[in-house]
N, C-alpha and C. Protein backbone atom coordinates (compact mmCIF):
# COMPACT_ATOMS: atom_id res chain seq x y z
N MET A 1 0.81 -1.19 0.00
CA MET A 1 0.00 0.00 0.00
C MET A 1 0.86 1.26 0.00
N SER A 2 1.98 1.22 0.71
CA SER A 2 2.84 2.40 0.77
C SER A 2 3.52 2.65 -0.57
N THR A 3 3.84 1.57 -1.31
CA THR A 3 4.45 1.78 -2.63
C THR A 3 3.45 2.40 -3.59
N HIS A 4 2.20 2.03 -3.46
CA HIS A 4 1.16 2.62 -4.31
C HIS A 4 1.05 4.12 -4.06
N TYR A 5 1.15 4.52 -2.81
CA TYR A 5 1.09 5.93 -2.46
C TYR A 5 2.29 6.68 -3.05
N LYS A 6 3.48 6.07 -2.98
CA LYS A 6 4.67 6.72 -3.51
C LYS A 6 4.57 6.89 -5.03
N LEU A 7 4.05 5.88 -5.71
CA LEU A 7 3.91 5.98 -7.16
C LEU A 7 2.90 7.05 -7.54
N ASP A 8 1.80 7.11 -6.80
CA ASP A 8 0.80 8.15 -7.08
C ASP A 8 1.37 9.54 -6.85
N ASP A 9 2.15 9.68 -5.80
CA ASP A 9 2.76 10.97 -5.49
C ASP A 9 3.74 11.39 -6.58
N GLN A 10 4.54 10.44 -7.07
CA GLN A 10 5.50 10.75 -8.13
C GLN A 10 4.78 11.05 -9.44
N ALA A 11 3.73 10.32 -9.73
CA ALA A 11 2.96 10.57 -10.95
C ALA A 11 2.32 11.95 -10.92
N GLN A 12 1.84 12.35 -9.75
CA GLN A 12 1.22 13.67 -9.61
C GLN A 12 2.26 14.77 -9.81
N LYS A 13 3.47 14.58 -9.27
CA LYS A 13 4.53 15.57 -9.47
C LYS A 13 4.90 15.66 -10.94
N PHE A 14 4.99 14.50 -11.61
CA PHE A 14 5.35 14.49 -13.03
C PHE A 14 4.28 15.20 -13.85
N ASN A 15 3.02 14.95 -13.57
CA ASN A 15 1.94 15.59 -14.32
C ASN A 15 1.94 17.10 -14.13
N SER A 16 2.25 17.57 -12.94
CA SER A 16 2.25 19.01 -12.71
C SER A 16 3.43 19.68 -13.40
N GLN A 17 4.52 18.97 -13.58
CA GLN A 17 5.69 19.54 -14.24
C GLN A 17 5.58 19.46 -15.77
N SER A 18 4.79 18.53 -16.30
CA SER A 18 4.74 18.33 -17.74
C SER A 18 3.66 19.15 -18.44
N LYS A 19 2.96 19.99 -17.73
CA LYS A 19 1.94 20.82 -18.36
C LYS A 19 2.61 21.90 -19.19
N VAL A 20 2.10 22.11 -20.39
CA VAL A 20 2.64 23.10 -21.29
C VAL A 20 1.50 24.00 -21.74
N LYS A 21 1.75 25.29 -21.71
CA LYS A 21 0.72 26.23 -22.13
C LYS A 21 0.72 26.34 -23.65
N LEU A 22 -0.45 26.43 -24.20
CA LEU A 22 -0.59 26.53 -25.65
C LEU A 22 0.02 27.82 -26.17
N THR A 23 -0.13 28.89 -25.43
CA THR A 23 0.42 30.17 -25.88
C THR A 23 1.94 30.12 -25.94
N ASP A 24 2.58 29.39 -25.01
CA ASP A 24 4.03 29.24 -25.05
C ASP A 24 4.46 28.48 -26.30
N LEU A 25 3.72 27.42 -26.63
CA LEU A 25 4.04 26.65 -27.82
C LEU A 25 3.87 27.48 -29.09
N LEU A 26 2.79 28.24 -29.15
CA LEU A 26 2.54 29.06 -30.34
C LEU A 26 3.60 30.15 -30.49
N SER A 27 4.01 30.76 -29.39
CA SER A 27 5.04 31.79 -29.48
C SER A 27 6.38 31.18 -29.90
N ARG A 28 6.67 29.99 -29.42
CA ARG A 28 7.91 29.32 -29.82
C ARG A 28 7.89 28.98 -31.31
N ILE A 29 6.74 28.53 -31.80
CA ILE A 29 6.60 28.22 -33.22
C ILE A 29 6.78 29.47 -34.06
N ASN A 30 6.19 30.58 -33.63
CA ASN A 30 6.33 31.84 -34.38
C ASN A 30 7.77 32.32 -34.41
N LYS A 31 8.48 32.18 -33.28
CA LYS A 31 9.90 32.57 -33.25
C LYS A 31 10.71 31.71 -34.20
N GLU A 32 10.44 30.40 -34.22
CA GLU A 32 11.17 29.51 -35.12
C GLU A 32 10.87 29.82 -36.58
N LYS A 33 9.63 30.19 -36.88
CA LYS A 33 9.27 30.56 -38.24
C LYS A 33 10.03 31.81 -38.68
N LYS A 34 10.14 32.80 -37.79
CA LYS A 34 10.86 34.03 -38.12
C LYS A 34 12.33 33.73 -38.39
N ILE A 35 12.92 32.89 -37.55
CA ILE A 35 14.33 32.53 -37.73
C ILE A 35 14.51 31.79 -39.05
N GLU A 36 13.58 30.88 -39.38
CA GLU A 36 13.68 30.12 -40.62
C GLU A 36 13.53 31.04 -41.84
N ARG A 37 12.63 32.03 -41.75
CA ARG A 37 12.48 32.99 -42.85
C ARG A 37 13.77 33.77 -43.08
N LYS A 38 14.40 34.20 -41.99
CA LYS A 38 15.66 34.94 -42.11
C LYS A 38 16.74 34.08 -42.74
N ARG A 39 16.81 32.82 -42.33
CA ARG A 39 17.81 31.91 -42.91
C ARG A 39 17.56 31.70 -44.39
N ASN A 40 16.29 31.49 -44.76
CA ASN A 40 15.95 31.29 -46.16
C ASN A 40 16.27 32.53 -46.99
N LEU A 41 16.00 33.70 -46.44
CA LEU A 41 16.31 34.93 -47.14
C LEU A 41 17.81 35.09 -47.34
N ALA A 42 18.58 34.79 -46.29
CA ALA A 42 20.04 34.90 -46.40
C ALA A 42 20.58 33.91 -47.42
N LEU A 43 20.04 32.70 -47.44
CA LEU A 43 20.48 31.70 -48.41
C LEU A 43 20.12 32.13 -49.83
N SER A 44 18.94 32.69 -50.00
CA SER A 44 18.52 33.16 -51.32
C SER A 44 19.41 34.30 -51.81
N VAL A 45 19.71 35.24 -50.93
CA VAL A 45 20.58 36.36 -51.30
C VAL A 45 21.97 35.85 -51.67
N ALA A 46 22.47 34.89 -50.92
CA ALA A 46 23.78 34.33 -51.22
C ALA A 46 23.78 33.62 -52.57
N ALA A 47 22.72 32.89 -52.87
CA ALA A 47 22.64 32.18 -54.14
C ALA A 47 22.55 33.16 -55.32
N VAL A 48 21.72 34.18 -55.18
CA VAL A 48 21.59 35.17 -56.25
C VAL A 48 22.91 35.92 -56.44
N SER A 49 23.56 36.25 -55.36
CA SER A 49 24.86 36.93 -55.45
C SER A 49 25.89 36.07 -56.14
N ALA A 50 25.92 34.80 -55.80
CA ALA A 50 26.88 33.89 -56.44
C ALA A 50 26.61 33.78 -57.93
N VAL A 51 25.35 33.69 -58.32
CA VAL A 51 25.02 33.62 -59.75
C VAL A 51 25.40 34.91 -60.44
N ALA A 52 25.16 36.05 -59.81
CA ALA A 52 25.50 37.34 -60.40
C ALA A 52 27.01 37.47 -60.58
N VAL A 53 27.76 37.10 -59.57
CA VAL A 53 29.23 37.19 -59.66
C VAL A 53 29.74 36.24 -60.74
N PHE A 54 29.19 35.05 -60.78
CA PHE A 54 29.61 34.08 -61.81
C PHE A 54 29.29 34.60 -63.20
N GLY A 55 28.12 35.24 -63.34
CA GLY A 55 27.76 35.80 -64.64
C GLY A 55 28.65 36.94 -65.04
N ILE A 56 29.03 37.79 -64.10
CA ILE A 56 29.94 38.90 -64.39
C ILE A 56 31.31 38.37 -64.80
N ILE A 57 31.77 37.36 -64.12
CA ILE A 57 33.08 36.77 -64.46
C ILE A 57 33.05 36.16 -65.85
N LEU A 58 31.96 35.53 -66.24
CA LEU A 58 31.86 34.93 -67.57
C LEU A 58 31.83 35.98 -68.67
N THR A 59 31.28 37.15 -68.38
CA THR A 59 31.19 38.17 -69.42
C THR A 59 32.52 38.90 -69.64
N LEU A 60 33.44 38.77 -68.70
CA LEU A 60 34.72 39.46 -68.87
C LEU A 60 35.62 38.77 -69.80
């Protein structure tokens, strides 16, 4: 009986610690989306720049 009480107590502590707010998840997703957009933009600019430089070198 005492082991059952200990397991219930530990399960209750785990449940109280594992709660996640939806607003926290949504804000984290939005932050990750912004970071991903910036990375994609930087990669696109780098690719366009590389093509432009390569094209200029070919025309010389």
